[in-house]
Amino acid sequence: MNRFLRSACAAVMLTATPAATFVLSRPALAQPADPAVTQVQGFYDALLAAMKSGGTAKSRYEKLKPAVEKAFDLPAMTATAVGPAWSSLPDADKKALTDAFSRMTIANYAKNFDSFGGEKFTVEPASIARGTDHFVKSTMKTSNETIAFNYRTHQVGSDWKITDVYLAGNISQMAQKRSDFAATLASGGPAGLAKRINALSDQMLS
């Protein structure tokens, strides 16, 4: 798992544009029971439980699916990953892409967080407001390194949901996804992109 985290961060740093970076400052005052923080902490609790359960990628997928769907705004993330073309797509293509992206997101966690070796997730107790978004800072500590994960969240009804993950603290995962998907979307259209995303999920779950 640690090898995956290092390679994932390196890949993002190599391909992300300057617009994909985000630097957070600390909040002046902590606020108790911050709902954005609670959402991230709940996801980490489910992720740790799945890591400790071991099993196969498919079994962890089933355990993580409800937690990912609860914590992440997967339709909004799909729209961001697809980019400007999203607004003109038919509803059927939007659904196919959202379903594929959701499956890939869950499969990614199920595949790469595959066992527990004493890892500890720490979430700062107050989120940082930037306009209508709140940013949650966290770290994962392993036996030999500490890795920053920051989460962008926004309000959906009464919940706060994750819309982006900043690897190494400030590199946008969604910017990376949009870069990865652009060529396939241009050459194969939404159907081709959905097919490619599902193929990636199949590989992770095999």
Protein backbone atom coordinates (compact mmCIF):
# COMPACT_ATOMS: atom_id res chain seq x y z
CA MET A 1 0.00 0.00 0.00
CA ASN A 2 2.84 2.42 0.79
CA ARG A 3 4.36 1.79 -2.64
CA PHE A 4 1.02 2.68 -4.21
CA LEU A 5 0.76 5.92 -2.25
CA ARG A 6 4.24 7.05 -3.23
CA SER A 7 3.73 6.22 -6.91
CA ALA A 8 0.28 7.84 -6.97
CA CYS A 9 1.60 11.07 -5.50
CA ALA A 10 4.55 11.06 -7.90
CA ALA A 11 2.31 10.52 -10.92
CA VAL A 12 0.03 13.37 -9.96
CA MET A 13 2.93 15.73 -9.38
CA LEU A 14 4.33 14.98 -12.82
CA THR A 15 1.09 15.65 -14.70
CA ALA A 16 -0.84 18.22 -12.68
CA THR A 17 -0.96 21.82 -13.91
CA PRO A 18 -0.30 24.81 -11.62
CA ALA A 19 -4.05 25.39 -11.42
CA ALA A 20 -4.38 22.01 -9.73
CA THR A 21 -2.43 23.07 -6.64
CA PHE A 22 -4.05 24.35 -3.49
CA VAL A 23 -2.41 25.65 -0.33
CA LEU A 24 -4.33 25.72 2.94
CA SER A 25 -3.77 27.92 5.94
CA ARG A 26 -4.86 26.94 9.41
CA PRO A 27 -8.22 28.18 10.71
CA ALA A 28 -8.14 30.87 13.37
CA LEU A 29 -10.69 29.11 15.58
CA ALA A 30 -11.62 25.44 15.82
CA GLN A 31 -15.31 24.60 15.61
CA PRO A 32 -16.58 21.47 17.40
CA ALA A 33 -18.56 18.80 15.55
CA ASP A 34 -17.63 20.20 12.16
CA PRO A 35 -19.87 18.28 9.69
CA ALA A 36 -17.26 18.24 6.91
CA VAL A 37 -14.69 16.81 9.33
CA THR A 38 -17.22 14.27 10.57
CA GLN A 39 -17.80 13.09 7.00
CA VAL A 40 -14.08 12.56 6.34
CA GLN A 41 -13.58 10.83 9.69
CA GLY A 42 -16.49 8.50 8.98
CA PHE A 43 -14.95 7.53 5.66
CA TYR A 44 -11.60 6.85 7.31
CA ASP A 45 -13.28 4.67 9.93
CA ALA A 46 -14.84 2.56 7.17
CA LEU A 47 -11.56 2.43 5.23
CA LEU A 48 -9.64 1.21 8.28
CA ALA A 49 -12.28 -1.42 8.98
CA ALA A 50 -11.99 -2.70 5.41
CA MET A 51 -8.18 -2.73 5.62
CA LYS A 52 -8.32 -4.73 8.84
CA SER A 53 -10.80 -7.20 7.35
CA GLY A 54 -8.38 -8.26 4.63
CA GLY A 55 -10.08 -10.58 2.15
CA THR A 56 -10.21 -9.95 -1.58
CA ALA A 57 -10.51 -6.69 -3.48
CA LYS A 58 -14.09 -7.67 -4.32
CA SER A 59 -15.02 -8.28 -0.70
CA ARG A 60 -13.49 -4.96 0.36
CA TYR A 61 -15.35 -3.29 -2.50
CA GLU A 62 -18.67 -4.42 -1.05
CA LYS A 63 -17.68 -3.20 2.41
CA LEU A 64 -16.53 0.20 1.15
CA LYS A 65 -19.31 0.89 -1.36
CA PRO A 66 -21.82 2.37 1.15
CA ALA A 67 -19.12 4.49 2.83
CA VAL A 68 -17.78 5.91 -0.45
CA GLU A 69 -21.28 6.67 -1.73
CA LYS A 70 -22.07 8.43 1.55
CA ALA A 71 -18.87 10.47 1.80
CA PHE A 72 -18.22 11.44 -1.84
CA ASP A 73 -20.34 13.49 -4.25
CA LEU A 74 -19.66 11.05 -7.07
CA PRO A 75 -21.90 12.74 -9.70
CA ALA A 76 -20.15 16.08 -9.13
CA MET A 77 -16.73 14.42 -9.24
CA THR A 78 -17.61 12.69 -12.50
CA ALA A 79 -18.69 16.00 -14.04
CA THR A 80 -15.40 17.59 -12.98
CA ALA A 81 -13.35 14.70 -14.35
CA VAL A 82 -15.16 14.81 -17.72
CA GLY A 83 -14.80 18.57 -17.99
CA PRO A 84 -16.69 21.11 -20.14
CA ALA A 85 -18.21 18.43 -22.38
CA TRP A 86 -20.32 17.21 -19.45
CA SER A 87 -23.00 19.88 -19.76
CA SER A 88 -23.90 18.85 -23.31
CA LEU A 89 -24.04 15.09 -22.74
CA PRO A 90 -27.37 13.22 -22.82
CA ASP A 91 -28.66 12.00 -19.47
CA ALA A 92 -28.00 8.37 -20.42
CA ASP A 93 -24.30 9.11 -21.03
CA LYS A 94 -24.06 11.05 -17.78
CA LYS A 95 -25.50 8.10 -15.88
CA ALA A 96 -23.17 5.59 -17.57
CA LEU A 97 -20.14 7.73 -16.81
CA THR A 98 -21.21 8.39 -13.21
CA ASP A 99 -21.79 4.67 -12.64
CA ALA A 100 -18.39 3.83 -14.13
CA PHE A 101 -16.57 6.57 -12.21
CA SER A 102 -18.23 5.55 -8.95
CA ARG A 103 -17.25 1.93 -9.46
CA MET A 104 -13.66 2.94 -10.24
CA THR A 105 -13.43 5.14 -7.15
CA ILE A 106 -14.59 2.35 -4.85
CA ALA A 107 -12.40 -0.23 -6.61
CA ASN A 108 -9.37 2.02 -6.23
CA TYR A 109 -9.72 2.10 -2.44
CA ALA A 110 -10.55 -1.61 -2.29
CA LYS A 111 -7.48 -2.55 -4.33
CA ASN A 112 -4.87 -0.22 -2.90
CA PHE A 113 -5.81 -0.15 0.78
CA ASP A 114 -5.65 -3.91 0.99
CA SER A 115 -4.28 -4.63 4.46
CA PHE A 116 -3.59 -3.05 7.83
CA GLY A 117 -0.07 -2.47 9.08
CA GLY A 118 -0.67 -0.04 11.92
CA GLU A 119 -1.59 2.92 9.72
CA LYS A 120 -3.21 5.84 11.54
CA PHE A 121 -5.41 8.52 9.99
CA THR A 122 -5.57 11.89 11.76
CA VAL A 123 -8.13 14.53 10.81
CA GLU A 124 -7.83 18.14 11.94
CA PRO A 125 -10.88 19.13 14.02
CA ALA A 126 -11.97 22.18 12.00
CA SER A 127 -12.42 22.59 8.28
CA ILE A 128 -11.28 25.69 6.39
CA ALA A 129 -13.96 27.66 4.54
CA ARG A 130 -13.20 28.91 1.03
CA GLY A 131 -16.35 30.40 -0.40
CA THR A 132 -19.02 27.71 -0.40
CA ASP A 133 -16.45 24.90 -0.05
CA HIS A 134 -14.86 23.58 3.12
CA PHE A 135 -11.41 21.97 3.11
CA VAL A 136 -10.50 19.23 5.56
CA LYS A 137 -6.85 18.53 6.34
CA SER A 138 -5.67 15.05 7.32
CA THR A 139 -2.64 12.79 7.38
CA MET A 140 -1.95 9.10 7.17
CA LYS A 141 0.95 7.91 9.28
CA THR A 142 2.67 4.62 8.52
CA SER A 143 5.65 3.01 10.20
CA ASN A 144 8.08 5.15 8.20
CA GLU A 145 6.26 8.12 6.64
CA THR A 146 3.47 10.64 7.04
CA ILE A 147 1.38 11.51 3.98
CA ALA A 148 -0.98 14.47 3.74
CA PHE A 149 -4.47 14.07 2.29
CA ASN A 150 -6.69 17.14 2.06
CA TYR A 151 -10.34 16.98 1.08
CA ARG A 152 -12.49 19.54 -0.69
CA THR A 153 -16.13 19.29 0.37
CA HIS A 154 -19.38 21.07 -0.39
CA GLN A 155 -22.87 20.91 0.99
CA VAL A 156 -25.40 18.56 -0.59
CA GLY A 157 -28.71 18.93 1.21
CA SER A 158 -27.92 18.53 4.89
CA ASP A 159 -24.63 16.67 4.26
CA TRP A 160 -21.12 17.75 3.40
CA LYS A 161 -19.58 15.58 0.68
CA ILE A 162 -16.10 15.23 -0.76
CA THR A 163 -15.56 16.62 -4.27
CA ASP A 164 -11.78 16.35 -4.55
CA VAL A 165 -8.81 14.76 -2.82
CA TYR A 166 -5.48 16.61 -2.72
CA LEU A 167 -2.68 14.06 -2.71
CA ALA A 168 0.50 15.05 -0.89
CA GLY A 169 -1.64 17.81 0.58
CA ASN A 170 -2.06 20.08 -2.44
CA ILE A 171 -2.24 18.20 -5.77
CA SER A 172 -5.77 17.80 -7.13
CA GLN A 173 -6.80 14.24 -7.92
CA MET A 174 -9.67 15.53 -10.06
CA ALA A 175 -7.29 17.57 -12.22
CA GLN A 176 -5.31 14.37 -12.75
CA LYS A 177 -8.44 12.45 -13.72
CA ARG A 178 -9.50 15.10 -16.22
CA SER A 179 -6.05 14.97 -17.80
CA ASP A 180 -6.15 11.16 -17.93
CA PHE A 181 -9.63 11.06 -19.47
CA ALA A 182 -9.27 13.81 -22.08
CA ALA A 183 -7.75 11.75 -24.90
CA THR A 184 -10.18 8.85 -24.50
CA LEU A 185 -13.16 11.21 -24.41
CA ALA A 186 -11.94 12.97 -27.54
CA SER A 187 -11.36 9.75 -29.49
CA GLY A 188 -14.09 7.48 -28.17
CA GLY A 189 -16.75 9.82 -26.84
CA PRO A 190 -18.60 9.19 -23.58
CA ALA A 191 -19.24 5.52 -24.41
CA GLY A 192 -15.54 4.94 -25.03
CA LEU A 193 -14.61 6.67 -21.80
CA ALA A 194 -17.13 4.67 -19.76
CA LYS A 195 -15.76 1.47 -21.31
CA ARG A 196 -12.19 2.43 -20.42
CA ILE A 197 -13.10 3.35 -16.82
CA ASN A 198 -14.94 0.06 -16.34
CA ALA A 199 -11.95 -1.82 -17.74
CA LEU A 200 -9.72 -0.15 -15.18
CA SER A 201 -12.12 -1.20 -12.42
CA ASP A 202 -12.14 -4.77 -13.74
CA GLN A 203 -8.35 -4.87 -13.49
CA MET A 204 -8.38 -3.59 -9.92
CA LEU A 205 -11.00 -6.10 -8.85
CA SER A 206 -9.57 -9.13 -10.63
